Amino acid sequence: MAASLTSPRLSDDLTPLQLDALADDDVVEEVELRGDLVGAQARGVAIERSRLVGVRLTAADLPRLRLVDCVLEGCDLSGAFLEKGDWNRIALIDCRLSGAVLSTSTLRHVRWERCRADHVVLRFVKAEQLLIEDCVLSGADLASASIVGGRILASDLTSADLSQAKLRGAHLHGSTLDGVQGGAALAGVVIGSAQVVPVALSVFAGLGIRVDDDPDAAG
């Protein structure tokens, strides 16, 4: 049986905070955070035991962002640079992460629900207990990602790059897998019967196998 996903631990009594700027090594704790942080630039920011509501982080540059016990609702992280982050017990609900870059981040007990994350970059991410449900990840880059206890359910992975990813044991039920690259990374995943054909075609492509009913077709 798969290990359970641990939910964020935060108080019901959070201090309202409107935040429109960040500085290096800022620490934000136990708040209900709102604000416009489009294009913000800061390193080593930590946000803990907080709820972020409608926060705009579009194109923000926040390497080494540390999130612990946080819920993000309706936030916009499109195009944000969030490399080398450390996220622990985090829920993102109805958020946008289109084109966001989370390369080499560590994600533990993280849930994405109803998020738009097309072309999100998760290269070399290390994840434990990652649940992605009812999300758009078309064109996502998961090359060399390592996901332990992963579930990507009812989500769109069309044309995602899985090259060299480690996904063994991941559950992908109900997800669209048409045109995924690096199909060999699907070895050991769990899928539903309706997904057999697109997965098979992706694996064939990775092995250089071409399906052609014409025996006289040129090689």
Foldseek 3Di string as FASTA:
>chain_A
DFDDQDAFDADPDAAEDEDAADEEQAEAERHAYAYEPDQHEYENYEYERYEYEQYEHHLHEYEQYEYGRYEYEAYEDDNYEHEQYEYENYEYEQYEHACYEHELYEEESYEYYCYEHAQYEHDQYEYEQYEYENYEHDQHEHALYEYHNAEHELYEPHQYEHANYAQAAYEYENYHQANYENLVNCPRYHYDPVCVVRSVVNVCVNVVHDDDPDPPDDD
